[in-house]
N, C-alpha and C. Protein backbone atom coordinates (compact mmCIF):
# COMPACT_ATOMS: atom_id res chain seq x y z
N MET A 1 0.84 -1.17 0.00
CA MET A 1 0.00 0.00 0.00
C MET A 1 0.89 1.23 0.00
N ASN A 2 0.63 2.12 -0.94
CA ASN A 2 1.36 3.38 -1.01
C ASN A 2 0.63 4.44 -0.20
N ILE A 3 1.38 5.22 0.54
CA ILE A 3 0.82 6.34 1.29
C ILE A 3 1.55 7.59 0.84
N PHE A 4 0.79 8.61 0.46
CA PHE A 4 1.36 9.87 0.02
C PHE A 4 1.03 10.94 1.04
N LEU A 5 2.00 11.70 1.40
CA LEU A 5 1.78 12.87 2.25
C LEU A 5 2.23 14.07 1.44
N ARG A 6 1.30 14.91 1.10
CA ARG A 6 1.64 16.09 0.31
C ARG A 6 0.88 17.27 0.85
N THR A 7 1.34 18.43 0.51
CA THR A 7 0.63 19.63 0.89
C THR A 7 -0.13 20.15 -0.31
N THR A 8 -1.27 20.73 -0.05
CA THR A 8 -2.03 21.39 -1.09
C THR A 8 -1.18 22.53 -1.62
N PRO A 9 -1.14 22.76 -2.94
CA PRO A 9 -0.34 23.87 -3.44
C PRO A 9 -0.68 25.15 -2.67
N ALA A 10 0.33 25.77 -2.12
CA ALA A 10 0.11 26.96 -1.29
C ALA A 10 -0.27 28.14 -2.16
N MET A 11 -1.23 28.88 -1.69
CA MET A 11 -1.70 30.06 -2.40
C MET A 11 -1.72 31.23 -1.41
N ALA A 12 -1.54 32.39 -1.96
CA ALA A 12 -1.66 33.63 -1.19
C ALA A 12 -2.46 34.60 -2.04
N ARG A 13 -2.87 35.70 -1.48
CA ARG A 13 -3.57 36.73 -2.24
C ARG A 13 -2.85 38.05 -2.00
N LEU A 14 -2.64 38.77 -3.11
CA LEU A 14 -2.05 40.10 -3.05
C LEU A 14 -3.14 41.12 -3.37
N PHE A 15 -3.31 42.10 -2.50
CA PHE A 15 -4.24 43.19 -2.72
C PHE A 15 -3.45 44.40 -3.18
N VAL A 16 -3.87 45.03 -4.26
CA VAL A 16 -3.21 46.24 -4.76
C VAL A 16 -3.74 47.40 -3.93
N ILE A 17 -2.86 48.02 -3.12
CA ILE A 17 -3.31 49.12 -2.27
C ILE A 17 -2.78 50.47 -2.75
N ARG A 18 -1.85 50.44 -3.73
CA ARG A 18 -1.39 51.69 -4.36
C ARG A 18 -0.99 51.35 -5.78
N GLY A 19 -1.37 52.22 -6.69
CA GLY A 19 -1.05 52.03 -8.10
C GLY A 19 -2.27 51.56 -8.88
N ASN A 20 -2.17 51.68 -10.17
CA ASN A 20 -3.27 51.28 -11.05
C ASN A 20 -2.98 49.91 -11.64
N ALA A 21 -3.92 49.00 -11.48
CA ALA A 21 -3.78 47.66 -12.02
C ALA A 21 -5.13 47.20 -12.56
N THR A 22 -5.13 46.11 -13.32
CA THR A 22 -6.36 45.60 -13.92
C THR A 22 -7.25 44.89 -12.91
N ALA A 23 -6.72 44.59 -11.73
CA ALA A 23 -7.50 43.91 -10.69
C ALA A 23 -7.14 44.50 -9.33
N ASP A 24 -8.08 44.44 -8.41
CA ASP A 24 -7.84 44.92 -7.05
C ASP A 24 -7.04 43.92 -6.23
N SER A 25 -7.14 42.64 -6.61
CA SER A 25 -6.39 41.60 -5.92
C SER A 25 -6.15 40.45 -6.89
N VAL A 26 -5.17 39.62 -6.55
CA VAL A 26 -4.86 38.47 -7.39
C VAL A 26 -4.37 37.33 -6.49
N ALA A 27 -4.86 36.12 -6.77
CA ALA A 27 -4.38 34.93 -6.07
C ALA A 27 -3.10 34.48 -6.75
N ILE A 28 -2.10 34.14 -5.95
CA ILE A 28 -0.80 33.73 -6.50
C ILE A 28 -0.37 32.40 -5.89
N PRO A 29 0.38 31.61 -6.66
CA PRO A 29 0.95 30.38 -6.11
C PRO A 29 2.21 30.74 -5.31
N LEU A 30 2.56 29.88 -4.39
CA LEU A 30 3.84 30.03 -3.69
C LEU A 30 4.67 28.81 -3.97
N PRO A 31 5.87 28.93 -4.47
CA PRO A 31 6.60 30.18 -4.71
C PRO A 31 6.02 30.95 -5.89
N CYS A 32 6.35 32.26 -5.93
CA CYS A 32 5.86 33.13 -6.99
C CYS A 32 6.95 34.10 -7.40
N LEU A 33 7.33 34.04 -8.67
CA LEU A 33 8.30 34.97 -9.24
C LEU A 33 7.52 36.16 -9.80
N ILE A 34 7.89 37.38 -9.39
CA ILE A 34 7.20 38.59 -9.80
C ILE A 34 8.15 39.46 -10.61
N GLY A 35 7.68 39.97 -11.74
CA GLY A 35 8.49 40.85 -12.57
C GLY A 35 7.83 41.07 -13.91
N ARG A 36 8.60 41.62 -14.85
CA ARG A 36 8.06 41.85 -16.19
C ARG A 36 8.64 40.89 -17.23
N GLY A 37 9.31 39.85 -16.77
CA GLY A 37 9.84 38.82 -17.67
C GLY A 37 8.78 37.79 -18.02
N ARG A 38 8.99 37.11 -19.13
CA ARG A 38 8.03 36.12 -19.62
C ARG A 38 7.89 34.92 -18.68
N GLU A 39 8.93 34.59 -17.94
CA GLU A 39 8.91 33.39 -17.11
C GLU A 39 8.33 33.63 -15.72
N THR A 40 7.86 34.84 -15.44
CA THR A 40 7.32 35.15 -14.11
C THR A 40 5.93 34.55 -13.92
N ASN A 41 5.58 34.31 -12.67
CA ASN A 41 4.23 33.87 -12.33
C ASN A 41 3.27 35.05 -12.30
N LEU A 42 3.76 36.20 -11.85
CA LEU A 42 2.96 37.42 -11.80
C LEU A 42 3.68 38.48 -12.63
N PHE A 43 3.10 38.80 -13.79
CA PHE A 43 3.70 39.75 -14.72
C PHE A 43 3.20 41.16 -14.39
N VAL A 44 4.14 42.09 -14.20
CA VAL A 44 3.81 43.49 -13.96
C VAL A 44 4.38 44.29 -15.13
N ASP A 45 3.51 44.91 -15.89
CA ASP A 45 3.89 45.62 -17.11
C ASP A 45 4.30 47.05 -16.80
N SER A 46 5.54 47.20 -16.33
CA SER A 46 6.07 48.52 -16.01
C SER A 46 7.59 48.48 -16.16
N LEU A 47 8.15 49.51 -16.77
CA LEU A 47 9.61 49.59 -16.90
C LEU A 47 10.29 49.84 -15.56
N LEU A 48 9.53 50.20 -14.53
CA LEU A 48 10.10 50.38 -13.19
C LEU A 48 10.29 49.05 -12.48
N VAL A 49 9.82 47.97 -13.08
CA VAL A 49 9.91 46.63 -12.52
C VAL A 49 10.90 45.83 -13.35
N SER A 50 11.83 45.17 -12.69
CA SER A 50 12.83 44.34 -13.38
C SER A 50 12.19 43.06 -13.91
N ARG A 51 12.87 42.44 -14.87
CA ARG A 51 12.34 41.20 -15.45
C ARG A 51 12.10 40.15 -14.38
N ASN A 52 13.06 39.93 -13.52
CA ASN A 52 12.92 39.05 -12.35
C ASN A 52 13.13 39.93 -11.13
N HIS A 53 12.07 40.55 -10.66
CA HIS A 53 12.17 41.60 -9.64
C HIS A 53 12.30 41.01 -8.24
N CYS A 54 11.33 40.19 -7.85
CA CYS A 54 11.37 39.60 -6.52
C CYS A 54 10.66 38.25 -6.55
N ARG A 55 10.82 37.51 -5.47
CA ARG A 55 10.20 36.20 -5.38
C ARG A 55 9.60 36.04 -3.98
N LEU A 56 8.41 35.45 -3.94
CA LEU A 56 7.78 35.07 -2.68
C LEU A 56 7.92 33.57 -2.53
N ASP A 57 8.40 33.12 -1.38
CA ASP A 57 8.61 31.70 -1.12
C ASP A 57 7.90 31.30 0.16
N LEU A 58 7.60 30.02 0.26
CA LEU A 58 7.02 29.45 1.47
C LEU A 58 8.05 28.53 2.09
N PHE A 59 8.35 28.74 3.37
CA PHE A 59 9.31 27.89 4.08
C PHE A 59 8.80 27.70 5.50
N ASN A 60 8.61 26.44 5.89
CA ASN A 60 8.10 26.11 7.23
C ASN A 60 6.83 26.88 7.58
N GLY A 61 5.93 26.99 6.60
CA GLY A 61 4.65 27.63 6.83
C GLY A 61 4.68 29.15 6.88
N LYS A 62 5.83 29.74 6.54
CA LYS A 62 5.96 31.20 6.55
C LYS A 62 6.32 31.70 5.16
N VAL A 63 5.86 32.90 4.85
CA VAL A 63 6.13 33.51 3.54
C VAL A 63 7.34 34.42 3.65
N PHE A 64 8.24 34.30 2.68
CA PHE A 64 9.43 35.15 2.62
C PHE A 64 9.47 35.85 1.28
N ILE A 65 9.98 37.08 1.26
CA ILE A 65 10.17 37.82 0.02
C ILE A 65 11.66 38.06 -0.16
N THR A 66 12.12 37.93 -1.40
CA THR A 66 13.52 38.15 -1.72
C THR A 66 13.60 39.07 -2.94
N ASP A 67 14.33 40.17 -2.81
CA ASP A 67 14.63 41.02 -3.96
C ASP A 67 15.71 40.31 -4.76
N LEU A 68 15.50 40.18 -6.07
CA LEU A 68 16.42 39.40 -6.90
C LEU A 68 17.44 40.28 -7.63
N GLY A 69 17.85 41.36 -6.98
CA GLY A 69 18.82 42.27 -7.59
C GLY A 69 18.15 43.25 -8.54
N SER A 70 16.92 43.61 -8.23
CA SER A 70 16.16 44.52 -9.10
C SER A 70 16.80 45.89 -9.16
N ARG A 71 16.58 46.57 -10.25
CA ARG A 71 17.18 47.89 -10.46
C ARG A 71 16.63 48.95 -9.49
N ASN A 72 15.31 48.93 -9.25
CA ASN A 72 14.67 49.95 -8.42
C ASN A 72 14.34 49.47 -7.01
N GLY A 73 14.66 48.24 -6.69
CA GLY A 73 14.49 47.75 -5.33
C GLY A 73 13.08 47.31 -4.99
N THR A 74 12.99 46.68 -3.84
CA THR A 74 11.74 46.20 -3.26
C THR A 74 11.69 46.72 -1.84
N THR A 75 10.53 47.24 -1.43
CA THR A 75 10.39 47.68 -0.04
C THR A 75 9.36 46.83 0.67
N VAL A 76 9.59 46.61 1.95
CA VAL A 76 8.63 45.95 2.83
C VAL A 76 8.35 46.90 3.97
N ASN A 77 7.09 47.26 4.11
CA ASN A 77 6.68 48.21 5.14
C ASN A 77 7.55 49.46 5.11
N GLY A 78 7.88 49.92 3.89
CA GLY A 78 8.63 51.16 3.69
C GLY A 78 10.14 51.04 3.75
N GLN A 79 10.68 49.87 4.05
CA GLN A 79 12.13 49.67 4.17
C GLN A 79 12.65 48.89 2.96
N PHE A 80 13.72 49.41 2.32
CA PHE A 80 14.31 48.70 1.18
C PHE A 80 14.97 47.40 1.65
N LEU A 81 14.80 46.36 0.84
CA LEU A 81 15.41 45.06 1.13
C LEU A 81 16.83 45.01 0.59
N SER A 82 17.68 44.26 1.27
CA SER A 82 18.99 43.93 0.73
C SER A 82 18.78 42.88 -0.35
N GLU A 83 19.57 42.97 -1.42
CA GLU A 83 19.44 42.02 -2.52
C GLU A 83 19.73 40.59 -2.05
N HIS A 84 18.95 39.65 -2.56
CA HIS A 84 19.14 38.22 -2.36
C HIS A 84 19.13 37.81 -0.89
N THR A 85 18.44 38.57 -0.04
CA THR A 85 18.32 38.26 1.37
C THR A 85 16.83 38.10 1.71
N PRO A 86 16.38 36.86 1.94
CA PRO A 86 14.96 36.65 2.24
C PRO A 86 14.55 37.36 3.53
N VAL A 87 13.35 37.94 3.48
CA VAL A 87 12.77 38.63 4.63
C VAL A 87 11.38 38.04 4.87
N GLU A 88 11.10 37.67 6.11
CA GLU A 88 9.81 37.09 6.43
C GLU A 88 8.70 38.14 6.34
N LEU A 89 7.60 37.74 5.72
CA LEU A 89 6.41 38.58 5.66
C LEU A 89 5.35 37.99 6.59
N SER A 90 4.69 38.84 7.34
CA SER A 90 3.56 38.37 8.13
C SER A 90 2.29 38.61 7.33
N ASN A 91 1.21 38.00 7.75
CA ASN A 91 -0.08 38.25 7.12
C ASN A 91 -0.37 39.75 7.23
N GLN A 92 -0.80 40.36 6.15
CA GLN A 92 -1.10 41.79 6.05
C GLN A 92 0.15 42.67 5.85
N SER A 93 1.34 42.07 5.66
CA SER A 93 2.53 42.87 5.35
C SER A 93 2.32 43.60 4.04
N VAL A 94 2.97 44.75 3.92
CA VAL A 94 2.87 45.59 2.73
C VAL A 94 4.23 45.62 2.06
N PHE A 95 4.26 45.40 0.72
CA PHE A 95 5.52 45.52 -0.01
C PHE A 95 5.26 46.24 -1.33
N SER A 96 6.31 46.90 -1.83
CA SER A 96 6.20 47.70 -3.06
C SER A 96 7.26 47.29 -4.05
N ILE A 97 6.84 47.23 -5.32
CA ILE A 97 7.75 47.07 -6.45
C ILE A 97 7.29 48.05 -7.52
N GLY A 98 8.21 48.82 -8.05
CA GLY A 98 7.84 49.79 -9.08
C GLY A 98 6.69 50.66 -8.62
N PRO A 99 5.65 50.80 -9.49
CA PRO A 99 4.54 51.69 -9.17
C PRO A 99 3.44 51.05 -8.31
N LEU A 100 3.64 49.79 -7.90
CA LEU A 100 2.58 49.07 -7.18
C LEU A 100 2.97 48.78 -5.74
N THR A 101 1.98 48.88 -4.86
CA THR A 101 2.12 48.46 -3.48
C THR A 101 1.06 47.39 -3.23
N PHE A 102 1.51 46.27 -2.66
CA PHE A 102 0.64 45.13 -2.38
C PHE A 102 0.54 44.89 -0.88
N GLN A 103 -0.59 44.33 -0.47
CA GLN A 103 -0.73 43.81 0.88
C GLN A 103 -0.95 42.31 0.77
N LEU A 104 -0.19 41.54 1.53
CA LEU A 104 -0.23 40.09 1.48
C LEU A 104 -1.32 39.55 2.39
N GLU A 105 -2.08 38.60 1.87
CA GLU A 105 -3.01 37.82 2.69
C GLU A 105 -2.63 36.37 2.52
N PHE A 106 -2.32 35.70 3.62
CA PHE A 106 -1.84 34.33 3.55
C PHE A 106 -2.32 33.53 4.75
N GLN A 107 -2.78 32.32 4.48
CA GLN A 107 -3.14 31.38 5.53
C GLN A 107 -2.22 30.18 5.40
N PRO A 108 -1.73 29.63 6.51
CA PRO A 108 -0.81 28.48 6.43
C PRO A 108 -1.41 27.33 5.62
N THR A 109 -0.51 26.57 4.97
CA THR A 109 -0.90 25.45 4.15
C THR A 109 -1.48 24.33 5.00
N LYS A 110 -2.54 23.69 4.49
CA LYS A 110 -3.12 22.54 5.16
C LYS A 110 -2.53 21.27 4.56
N VAL A 111 -2.37 20.24 5.37
CA VAL A 111 -1.82 18.97 4.91
C VAL A 111 -2.94 18.11 4.35
N ASP A 112 -2.70 17.51 3.19
CA ASP A 112 -3.66 16.64 2.51
C ASP A 112 -3.11 15.22 2.58
N HIS A 113 -3.89 14.29 3.12
CA HIS A 113 -3.43 12.91 3.30
C HIS A 113 -3.95 11.98 2.22
N SER A 114 -4.38 12.49 1.09
CA SER A 114 -4.90 11.63 0.02
C SER A 114 -3.77 10.98 -0.75
N ASP A 115 -4.12 9.98 -1.54
CA ASP A 115 -3.11 9.32 -2.37
C ASP A 115 -3.22 9.77 -3.82
N ALA A 116 -3.85 10.89 -4.05
CA ALA A 116 -3.96 11.42 -5.41
C ALA A 116 -2.59 11.93 -5.87
N PRO A 117 -2.34 11.87 -7.18
CA PRO A 117 -1.06 12.39 -7.68
C PRO A 117 -0.96 13.89 -7.44
N ASN A 118 0.26 14.34 -7.25
CA ASN A 118 0.50 15.76 -7.01
C ASN A 118 0.62 16.47 -8.35
N ILE A 119 -0.42 17.17 -8.76
CA ILE A 119 -0.42 17.91 -10.02
C ILE A 119 -0.44 19.38 -9.68
N ASN A 120 0.55 20.10 -10.14
CA ASN A 120 0.62 21.52 -9.85
C ASN A 120 0.79 22.26 -11.17
N SER A 121 -0.29 22.65 -11.77
CA SER A 121 -0.26 23.37 -13.03
C SER A 121 -0.80 24.76 -12.80
N VAL A 122 0.08 25.75 -12.83
CA VAL A 122 -0.33 27.13 -12.58
C VAL A 122 -0.01 27.94 -13.81
N SER A 123 -1.02 28.62 -14.33
CA SER A 123 -0.77 29.47 -15.48
C SER A 123 -0.23 30.82 -15.01
N ASN A 124 0.40 31.53 -15.91
CA ASN A 124 0.93 32.83 -15.56
C ASN A 124 -0.18 33.83 -15.36
N LEU A 125 0.03 34.77 -14.46
CA LEU A 125 -0.93 35.80 -14.14
C LEU A 125 -0.36 37.11 -14.64
N GLN A 126 -1.23 38.06 -14.98
CA GLN A 126 -0.76 39.34 -15.48
C GLN A 126 -1.51 40.48 -14.82
N LEU A 127 -0.78 41.55 -14.52
CA LEU A 127 -1.37 42.79 -14.08
C LEU A 127 -0.88 43.86 -15.03
N ALA A 128 -1.77 44.58 -15.61
CA ALA A 128 -1.38 45.67 -16.50
C ALA A 128 -1.45 46.97 -15.72
N ILE A 129 -0.50 47.82 -15.95
CA ILE A 129 -0.44 49.10 -15.26
C ILE A 129 -1.14 50.14 -16.12
N GLY A 130 -2.08 50.84 -15.50
CA GLY A 130 -2.78 51.92 -16.19
C GLY A 130 -2.13 53.26 -15.89
N ASN A 131 -2.30 54.20 -16.77
CA ASN A 131 -1.71 55.53 -16.56
C ASN A 131 -2.73 56.46 -15.96
């Protein structure tokens, strides 16, 4: 008998609290690469955002944000991040990239004890910046 222990793909929600975007909020997978590059999970159409700007990761049930060496930086609660140094985000933390400021909503991942195959197919998400 095979027993599988897997976690449900972790999801978070980002609320746009500053800047113009096509949606007020967006559900994102964790991990999530954010930027204006084609390979990102969350595409932000702004020249103020680097191709691979930042990444949100899940580790031990906590969300971390890492600036990936972006040109204009990433701020968390108004403080610029050091490049390539993960910083823990709490639920309701605020972070900014380019012209957008987001508020994170996250609930810890629940454990799924089913024996179903682990299929994780996430399509890319896009936010367009309005003028």
